[in-house]
Amino acid sequence: MLARALELLLPVLIDKKNVRVLDVGSGSGYLTAGLALLGGEGTIAYGIEHSESLVKFAETNINNLQDKQLKQELESRVHFFKSDGW
């Protein structure tokens, strides 16, 4: 399902600079990270989640990446927040 969401959003994001993306209900952060990477230079993705534990889970997933270059890029382009989405 997440791969399909990224596929559908690809034409909207690909090669567009300075895009801001909001992922409401970001969960593990997988989709949020993918959205940040699909966008062009300067794209930033924001993930909001109602559960603090899920925010920490998503942040941990980014922090645990083995590829240091990817990790560094995502740390500057992906941000997670606790909020109810309203």
PDB file of N, CA and C in Angstrom:
ATOM      1  N   MET A   1       0.816  -1.195   0.000  1.00  0.00           N
ATOM      2  CA  MET A   1       0.000   0.000   0.000  1.00  0.00           C
ATOM      3  C   MET A   1       0.864   1.265   0.000  1.00  0.00           C
ATOM      4  N   LEU A   2       1.937   1.263   0.802  1.00  0.00           N
ATOM      5  CA  LEU A   2       2.804   2.440   0.831  1.00  0.00           C
ATOM      6  C   LEU A   2       3.497   2.641  -0.511  1.00  0.00           C
ATOM      7  N   ALA A   3       3.919   1.546  -1.119  1.00  0.00           N
ATOM      8  CA  ALA A   3       4.563   1.647  -2.435  1.00  0.00           C
ATOM      9  C   ALA A   3       3.581   2.222  -3.454  1.00  0.00           C
ATOM     10  N   ARG A   4       2.332   1.824  -3.372  1.00  0.00           N
ATOM     11  CA  ARG A   4       1.309   2.352  -4.299  1.00  0.00           C
ATOM     12  C   ARG A   4       1.091   3.846  -4.073  1.00  0.00           C
ATOM     13  N   ALA A   5       1.080   4.264  -2.820  1.00  0.00           N
ATOM     14  CA  ALA A   5       0.927   5.694  -2.519  1.00  0.00           C
ATOM     15  C   ALA A   5       2.082   6.489  -3.112  1.00  0.00           C
ATOM     16  N   LEU A   6       3.299   5.969  -2.964  1.00  0.00           N
ATOM     17  CA  LEU A   6       4.466   6.659  -3.539  1.00  0.00           C
ATOM     18  C   LEU A   6       4.372   6.697  -5.065  1.00  0.00           C
ATOM     19  N   GLU A   7       3.914   5.596  -5.650  1.00  0.00           N
ATOM     20  CA  GLU A   7       3.760   5.536  -7.105  1.00  0.00           C
ATOM     21  C   GLU A   7       2.761   6.590  -7.599  1.00  0.00           C
ATOM     22  N   LEU A   8       1.660   6.737  -6.899  1.00  0.00           N
ATOM     23  CA  LEU A   8       0.637   7.706  -7.306  1.00  0.00           C
ATOM     24  C   LEU A   8       1.107   9.148  -7.139  1.00  0.00           C
ATOM     25  N   LEU A   9       1.965   9.385  -6.154  1.00  0.00           N
ATOM     26  CA  LEU A   9       2.440  10.742  -5.897  1.00  0.00           C
ATOM     27  C   LEU A   9       3.696  11.106  -6.690  1.00  0.00           C
ATOM     28  N   LEU A  10       4.294  10.127  -7.324  1.00  0.00           N
ATOM     29  CA  LEU A  10       5.525  10.366  -8.077  1.00  0.00           C
ATOM     30  C   LEU A  10       5.392  11.497  -9.099  1.00  0.00           C
ATOM     31  N   PRO A  11       4.357  11.532  -9.930  1.00  0.00           N
ATOM     32  CA  PRO A  11       4.264  12.624 -10.914  1.00  0.00           C
ATOM     33  C   PRO A  11       4.128  14.011 -10.279  1.00  0.00           C
ATOM     34  N   VAL A  12       3.584  14.061  -9.090  1.00  0.00           N
ATOM     35  CA  VAL A  12       3.394  15.338  -8.412  1.00  0.00           C
ATOM     36  C   VAL A  12       4.705  15.850  -7.815  1.00  0.00           C
ATOM     37  N   LEU A  13       5.558  14.924  -7.378  1.00  0.00           N
ATOM     38  CA  LEU A  13       6.749  15.303  -6.632  1.00  0.00           C
ATOM     39  C   LEU A  13       8.050  15.288  -7.428  1.00  0.00           C
ATOM     40  N   ILE A  14       8.147  14.425  -8.407  1.00  0.00           N
ATOM     41  CA  ILE A  14       9.434  14.186  -9.061  1.00  0.00           C
ATOM     42  C   ILE A  14      10.016  15.474  -9.651  1.00  0.00           C
ATOM     43  N   ASP A  15      11.232  15.724  -9.281  1.00  0.00           N
ATOM     44  CA  ASP A  15      12.018  16.848  -9.811  1.00  0.00           C
ATOM     45  C   ASP A  15      11.441  18.233  -9.523  1.00  0.00           C
ATOM     46  N   LYS A  16      10.562  18.350  -8.565  1.00  0.00           N
ATOM     47  CA  LYS A  16      10.050  19.665  -8.174  1.00  0.00           C
ATOM     48  C   LYS A  16      10.836  20.132  -6.966  1.00  0.00           C
ATOM     49  N   LYS A  17      11.344  21.334  -7.017  1.00  0.00           N
ATOM     50  CA  LYS A  17      12.189  21.850  -5.945  1.00  0.00           C
ATOM     51  C   LYS A  17      11.366  22.530  -4.855  1.00  0.00           C
ATOM     52  N   ASN A  18      11.891  22.440  -3.645  1.00  0.00           N
ATOM     53  CA  ASN A  18      11.347  23.154  -2.478  1.00  0.00           C
ATOM     54  C   ASN A  18       9.887  22.835  -2.184  1.00  0.00           C
ATOM     55  N   VAL A  19       9.500  21.590  -2.376  1.00  0.00           N
ATOM     56  CA  VAL A  19       8.140  21.149  -2.070  1.00  0.00           C
ATOM     57  C   VAL A  19       8.049  20.846  -0.575  1.00  0.00           C
ATOM     58  N   ARG A  20       6.899  21.128   0.016  1.00  0.00           N
ATOM     59  CA  ARG A  20       6.625  20.768   1.405  1.00  0.00           C
ATOM     60  C   ARG A  20       5.503  19.735   1.391  1.00  0.00           C
ATOM     61  N   VAL A  21       5.712  18.621   2.075  1.00  0.00           N
ATOM     62  CA  VAL A  21       4.760  17.517   2.079  1.00  0.00           C
ATOM     63  C   VAL A  21       4.337  17.254   3.520  1.00  0.00           C
ATOM     64  N   LEU A  22       3.053  17.009   3.738  1.00  0.00           N
ATOM     65  CA  LEU A  22       2.529  16.682   5.057  1.00  0.00           C
ATOM     66  C   LEU A  22       1.940  15.280   5.011  1.00  0.00           C
ATOM     67  N   ASP A  23       2.434  14.403   5.867  1.00  0.00           N
ATOM     68  CA  ASP A  23       1.940  13.038   5.985  1.00  0.00           C
ATOM     69  C   ASP A  23       1.211  12.929   7.324  1.00  0.00           C
ATOM     70  N   VAL A  24      -0.109  12.934   7.285  1.00  0.00           N
ATOM     71  CA  VAL A  24      -0.916  12.843   8.502  1.00  0.00           C
ATOM     72  C   VAL A  24      -1.105  11.369   8.838  1.00  0.00           C
ATOM     73  N   GLY A  25      -0.673  10.993  10.023  1.00  0.00           N
ATOM     74  CA  GLY A  25      -0.695   9.587  10.418  1.00  0.00           C
ATOM     75  C   GLY A  25       0.540   8.884   9.882  1.00  0.00           C
ATOM     76  N   SER A  26       1.698   9.432  10.192  1.00  0.00           N
ATOM     77  CA  SER A  26       2.949   8.998   9.567  1.00  0.00           C
ATOM     78  C   SER A  26       3.461   7.642  10.042  1.00  0.00           C
ATOM     79  N   GLY A  27       2.953   7.123  11.146  1.00  0.00           N
ATOM     80  CA  GLY A  27       3.304   5.777  11.584  1.00  0.00           C
ATOM     81  C   GLY A  27       4.802   5.530  11.662  1.00  0.00           C
ATOM     82  N   SER A  28       5.283   4.559  10.898  1.00  0.00           N
ATOM     83  CA  SER A  28       6.690   4.163  10.933  1.00  0.00           C
ATOM     84  C   SER A  28       7.621   5.182  10.287  1.00  0.00           C
ATOM     85  N   GLY A  29       7.063   6.106   9.511  1.00  0.00           N
ATOM     86  CA  GLY A  29       7.873   7.109   8.833  1.00  0.00           C
ATOM     87  C   GLY A  29       8.327   6.697   7.445  1.00  0.00           C
ATOM     88  N   TYR A  30       7.992   5.485   7.040  1.00  0.00           N
ATOM     89  CA  TYR A  30       8.411   4.967   5.733  1.00  0.00           C
ATOM     90  C   TYR A  30       7.904   5.844   4.595  1.00  0.00           C
ATOM     91  N   LEU A  31       6.614   6.121   4.586  1.00  0.00           N
ATOM     92  CA  LEU A  31       6.029   6.936   3.521  1.00  0.00           C
ATOM     93  C   LEU A  31       6.567   8.370   3.577  1.00  0.00           C
ATOM     94  N   THR A  32       6.708   8.913   4.759  1.00  0.00           N
ATOM     95  CA  THR A  32       7.218  10.277   4.920  1.00  0.00           C
ATOM     96  C   THR A  32       8.620  10.388   4.327  1.00  0.00           C
ATOM     97  N   ALA A  33       9.467   9.420   4.633  1.00  0.00           N
ATOM     98  CA  ALA A  33      10.827   9.413   4.088  1.00  0.00           C
ATOM     99  C   ALA A  33      10.805   9.265   2.569  1.00  0.00           C
ATOM    100  N   GLY A  34       9.965   8.380   2.079  1.00  0.00           N
ATOM    101  CA  GLY A  34       9.851   8.186   0.633  1.00  0.00           C
ATOM    102  C   GLY A  34       9.400   9.442  -0.085  1.00  0.00           C
ATOM    103  N   LEU A  35       8.458  10.157   0.509  1.00  0.00           N
ATOM    104  CA  LEU A  35       7.975  11.403  -0.088  1.00  0.00           C
ATOM    105  C   LEU A  35       9.093  12.446  -0.149  1.00  0.00           C
ATOM    106  N   ALA A  36       9.885  12.513   0.891  1.00  0.00           N
ATOM    107  CA  ALA A  36      11.004  13.466   0.906  1.00  0.00           C
ATOM    108  C   ALA A  36      12.012  13.135  -0.189  1.00  0.00           C
ATOM    109  N   LEU A  37      12.265  11.852  -0.395  1.00  0.00           N
ATOM    110  CA  LEU A  37      13.252  11.443  -1.392  1.00  0.00           C
ATOM    111  C   LEU A  37      12.745  11.576  -2.824  1.00  0.00           C
ATOM    112  N   LEU A  38      11.432  11.417  -3.021  1.00  0.00           N
ATOM    113  CA  LEU A  38      10.876  11.560  -4.370  1.00  0.00           C
ATOM    114  C   LEU A  38      10.943  12.997  -4.860  1.00  0.00           C
ATOM    115  N   GLY A  39      10.793  13.908  -3.944  1.00  0.00           N
ATOM    116  CA  GLY A  39      10.815  15.317  -4.323  1.00  0.00           C
ATOM    117  C   GLY A  39      12.216  15.753  -4.722  1.00  0.00           C
ATOM    118  N   GLY A  40      12.269  16.839  -5.406  1.00  0.00           N
ATOM    119  CA  GLY A  40      13.551  17.377  -5.837  1.00  0.00           C
ATOM    120  C   GLY A  40      14.290  18.076  -4.714  1.00  0.00           C
ATOM    121  N   GLU A  41      15.306  18.798  -5.098  1.00  0.00           N
ATOM    122  CA  GLU A  41      16.154  19.514  -4.151  1.00  0.00           C
ATOM    123  C   GLU A  41      15.315  20.424  -3.250  1.00  0.00           C
ATOM    124  N   GLY A  42      15.593  20.371  -1.961  1.00  0.00           N
ATOM    125  CA  GLY A  42      14.913  21.241  -1.012  1.00  0.00           C
ATOM    126  C   GLY A  42      13.568  20.734  -0.531  1.00  0.00           C
ATOM    127  N   THR A  43      13.143  19.570  -0.997  1.00  0.00           N
ATOM    128  CA  THR A  43      11.865  19.018  -0.547  1.00  0.00           C
ATOM    129  C   THR A  43      11.980  18.597   0.909  1.00  0.00           C
ATOM    130  N   ILE A  44      10.979  18.973   1.689  1.00  0.00           N
ATOM    131  CA  ILE A  44      10.927  18.606   3.101  1.00  0.00           C
ATOM    132  C   ILE A  44       9.579  17.939   3.370  1.00  0.00           C
ATOM    133  N   ALA A  45       9.620  16.826   4.095  1.00  0.00           N
ATOM    134  CA  ALA A  45       8.402  16.108   4.446  1.00  0.00           C
ATOM    135  C   ALA A  45       8.194  16.185   5.951  1.00  0.00           C
ATOM    136  N   TYR A  46       6.973  16.484   6.338  1.00  0.00           N
ATOM    137  CA  TYR A  46       6.586  16.561   7.739  1.00  0.00           C
ATOM    138  C   TYR A  46       5.606  15.427   8.021  1.00  0.00           C
ATOM    139  N   GLY A  47       5.878  14.663   9.061  1.00  0.00           N
ATOM    140  CA  GLY A  47       4.976  13.604   9.474  1.00  0.00           C
ATOM    141  C   GLY A  47       4.369  13.961  10.818  1.00  0.00           C
ATOM    142  N   ILE A  48       3.055  13.859  10.911  1.00  0.00           N
ATOM    143  CA  ILE A  48       2.416  14.078  12.205  1.00  0.00           C
ATOM    144  C   ILE A  48       1.702  12.798  12.624  1.00  0.00           C
ATOM    145  N   GLU A  49       1.760  12.555  13.897  1.00  0.00           N
ATOM    146  CA  GLU A  49       1.191  11.334  14.457  1.00  0.00           C
ATOM    147  C   GLU A  49       0.618  11.675  15.827  1.00  0.00           C
ATOM    148  N   HIS A  50      -0.514  11.083  16.176  1.00  0.00           N
ATOM    149  CA  HIS A  50      -1.147  11.393  17.473  1.00  0.00           C
ATOM    150  C   HIS A  50      -0.453  10.719  18.643  1.00  0.00           C
ATOM    151  N   SER A  51       0.337   9.717  18.363  1.00  0.00           N
ATOM    152  CA  SER A  51       0.995   8.945  19.414  1.00  0.00           C
ATOM    153  C   SER A  51       2.478   9.309  19.501  1.00  0.00           C
ATOM    154  N   GLU A  52       2.910   9.705  20.683  1.00  0.00           N
ATOM    155  CA  GLU A  52       4.325  10.037  20.893  1.00  0.00           C
ATOM    156  C   GLU A  52       5.209   8.818  20.631  1.00  0.00           C
ATOM    157  N   SER A  53       4.716   7.641  20.981  1.00  0.00           N
ATOM    158  CA  SER A  53       5.523   6.435  20.757  1.00  0.00           C
ATOM    159  C   SER A  53       5.733   6.174  19.265  1.00  0.00           C
ATOM    160  N   LEU A  54       4.742   6.488  18.432  1.00  0.00           N
ATOM    161  CA  LEU A  54       4.911   6.328  16.985  1.00  0.00           C
ATOM    162  C   LEU A  54       5.841   7.389  16.405  1.00  0.00           C
ATOM    163  N   VAL A  55       5.811   8.589  16.963  1.00  0.00           N
ATOM    164  CA  VAL A  55       6.757   9.627  16.540  1.00  0.00           C
ATOM    165  C   VAL A  55       8.172   9.151  16.827  1.00  0.00           C
ATOM    166  N   LYS A  56       8.387   8.629  18.022  1.00  0.00           N
ATOM    167  CA  LYS A  56       9.723   8.132  18.388  1.00  0.00           C
ATOM    168  C   LYS A  56      10.120   6.941  17.528  1.00  0.00           C
ATOM    169  N   PHE A  57       9.154   6.077  17.206  1.00  0.00           N
ATOM    170  CA  PHE A  57       9.412   4.923  16.345  1.00  0.00           C
ATOM    171  C   PHE A  57       9.895   5.379  14.968  1.00  0.00           C
ATOM    172  N   ALA A  58       9.221   6.359  14.387  1.00  0.00           N
ATOM    173  CA  ALA A  58       9.609   6.879  13.075  1.00  0.00           C
ATOM    174  C   ALA A  58      10.999   7.519  13.130  1.00  0.00           C
ATOM    175  N   GLU A  59      11.242   8.298  14.163  1.00  0.00           N
ATOM    176  CA  GLU A  59      12.564   8.935  14.315  1.00  0.00           C
ATOM    177  C   GLU A  59      13.662   7.882  14.486  1.00  0.00           C
ATOM    178  N   THR A  60      13.361   6.838  15.231  1.00  0.00           N
ATOM    179  CA  THR A  60      14.323   5.758  15.434  1.00  0.00           C
ATOM    180  C   THR A  60      14.620   5.040  14.118  1.00  0.00           C
ATOM    181  N   ASN A  61      13.587   4.839  13.308  1.00  0.00           N
ATOM    182  CA  ASN A  61      13.799   4.195  12.007  1.00  0.00           C
ATOM    183  C   ASN A  61      14.770   4.995  11.140  1.00  0.00           C
ATOM    184  N   ILE A  62      14.662   6.299  11.158  1.00  0.00           N
ATOM    185  CA  ILE A  62      15.595   7.147  10.406  1.00  0.00           C
ATOM    186  C   ILE A  62      16.987   7.062  11.032  1.00  0.00           C
ATOM    187  N   ASN A  63      17.057   7.152  12.338  1.00  0.00           N
ATOM    188  CA  ASN A  63      18.345   7.124  13.045  1.00  0.00           C
ATOM    189  C   ASN A  63      19.083   5.806  12.889  1.00  0.00           C
ATOM    190  N   ASN A  64      18.362   4.711  12.662  1.00  0.00           N
ATOM    191  CA  ASN A  64      18.982   3.389  12.561  1.00  0.00           C
ATOM    192  C   ASN A  64      19.414   3.017  11.145  1.00  0.00           C
ATOM    193  N   LEU A  65      19.253   3.920  10.201  1.00  0.00           N
ATOM    194  CA  LEU A  65      19.688   3.618   8.834  1.00  0.00           C
ATOM    195  C   LEU A  65      21.187   3.359   8.793  1.00  0.00           C
ATOM    196  N   GLN A  66      21.583   2.346   8.062  1.00  0.00           N
ATOM    197  CA  GLN A  66      22.993   1.986   7.947  1.00  0.00           C
ATOM    198  C   GLN A  66      23.726   2.861   6.939  1.00  0.00           C
ATOM    199  N   ASP A  67      23.022   3.308   5.913  1.00  0.00           N
ATOM    200  CA  ASP A  67      23.623   4.162   4.882  1.00  0.00           C
ATOM    201  C   ASP A  67      23.751   5.579   5.450  1.00  0.00           C
ATOM    202  N   LYS A  68      24.963   5.984   5.768  1.00  0.00           N
ATOM    203  CA  LYS A  68      25.182   7.265   6.445  1.00  0.00           C
ATOM    204  C   LYS A  68      24.769   8.456   5.590  1.00  0.00           C
ATOM    205  N   GLN A  69      25.000   8.393   4.295  1.00  0.00           N
ATOM    206  CA  GLN A  69      24.622   9.500   3.415  1.00  0.00           C
ATOM    207  C   GLN A  69      23.101   9.647   3.357  1.00  0.00           C
ATOM    208  N   LEU A  70      22.401   8.533   3.221  1.00  0.00           N
ATOM    209  CA  LEU A  70      20.936   8.558   3.211  1.00  0.00           C
ATOM    210  C   LEU A  70      20.405   9.053   4.539  1.00  0.00           C
ATOM    211  N   LYS A  71      20.973   8.551   5.623  1.00  0.00           N
ATOM    212  CA  LYS A  71      20.555   8.974   6.961  1.00  0.00           C
ATOM    213  C   LYS A  71      20.715  10.483   7.127  1.00  0.00           C
ATOM    214  N   GLN A  72      21.851  11.011   6.721  1.00  0.00           N
ATOM    215  CA  GLN A  72      22.103  12.449   6.841  1.00  0.00           C
ATOM    216  C   GLN A  72      21.109  13.253   5.999  1.00  0.00           C
ATOM    217  N   GLU A  73      20.839  12.784   4.798  1.00  0.00           N
ATOM    218  CA  GLU A  73      19.885  13.494   3.938  1.00  0.00           C
ATOM    219  C   GLU A  73      18.484  13.483   4.542  1.00  0.00           C
ATOM    220  N   LEU A  74      18.053  12.336   5.027  1.00  0.00           N
ATOM    221  CA  LEU A  74      16.709  12.250   5.604  1.00  0.00           C
ATOM    222  C   LEU A  74      16.587  13.035   6.899  1.00  0.00           C
ATOM    223  N   GLU A  75      17.640  13.063   7.699  1.00  0.00           N
ATOM    224  CA  GLU A  75      17.581  13.831   8.943  1.00  0.00           C
ATOM    225  C   GLU A  75      17.363  15.315   8.675  1.00  0.00           C
ATOM    226  N   SER A  76      17.815  15.792   7.537  1.00  0.00           N
ATOM    227  CA  SER A  76      17.619  17.209   7.222  1.00  0.00           C
ATOM    228  C   SER A  76      16.319  17.467   6.444  1.00  0.00           C
ATOM    229  N   ARG A  77      15.697  16.405   5.906  1.00  0.00           N
ATOM    230  CA  ARG A  77      14.526  16.593   5.053  1.00  0.00           C
ATOM    231  C   ARG A  77      13.234  16.026   5.606  1.00  0.00           C
ATOM    232  N   VAL A  78      13.307  15.291   6.719  1.00  0.00           N
ATOM    233  CA  VAL A  78      12.120  14.654   7.303  1.00  0.00           C
ATOM    234  C   VAL A  78      12.005  15.061   8.767  1.00  0.00           C
ATOM    235  N   HIS A  79      10.812  15.506   9.153  1.00  0.00           N
ATOM    236  CA  HIS A  79      10.576  15.958  10.521  1.00  0.00           C
ATOM    237  C   HIS A  79       9.253  15.373  11.011  1.00  0.00           C
ATOM    238  N   PHE A  80       9.270  14.836  12.223  1.00  0.00           N
ATOM    239  CA  PHE A  80       8.076  14.221  12.800  1.00  0.00           C
ATOM    240  C   PHE A  80       7.610  15.027  14.015  1.00  0.00           C
ATOM    241  N   PHE A  81       6.278  15.113  14.153  1.00  0.00           N
ATOM    242  CA  PHE A  81       5.677  15.869  15.247  1.00  0.00           C
ATOM    243  C   PHE A  81       4.498  15.111  15.819  1.00  0.00           C
ATOM    244  N   LYS A  82       4.249  15.306  17.110  1.00  0.00           N
ATOM    245  CA  LYS A  82       3.050  14.763  17.735  1.00  0.00           C
ATOM    246  C   LYS A  82       1.936  15.797  17.602  1.00  0.00           C
ATOM    247  N   SER A  83       0.828  15.380  17.002  1.00  0.00           N
ATOM    248  CA  SER A  83      -0.330  16.244  16.825  1.00  0.00           C
ATOM    249  C   SER A  83      -1.533  15.363  16.501  1.00  0.00           C
ATOM    250  N   ASP A  84      -2.724  15.920  16.608  1.00  0.00           N
ATOM    251  CA  ASP A  84      -3.912  15.122  16.308  1.00  0.00           C
ATOM    252  C   ASP A  84      -4.367  15.272  14.855  1.00  0.00           C
ATOM    253  N   GLY A  85      -3.720  16.079  14.074  1.00  0.00           N
ATOM    254  CA  GLY A  85      -4.081  16.232  12.674  1.00  0.00           C
ATOM    255  C   GLY A  85      -5.230  17.183  12.403  1.00  0.00           C
ATOM    256  N   TRP A  86      -5.802  17.746  13.446  1.00  0.00           N
ATOM    257  CA  TRP A  86      -6.900  18.700  13.261  1.00  0.00           C
ATOM    258  C   TRP A  86      -6.349  20.043  13.443  1.00  0.00           C
TER     259      TRP A  86
END
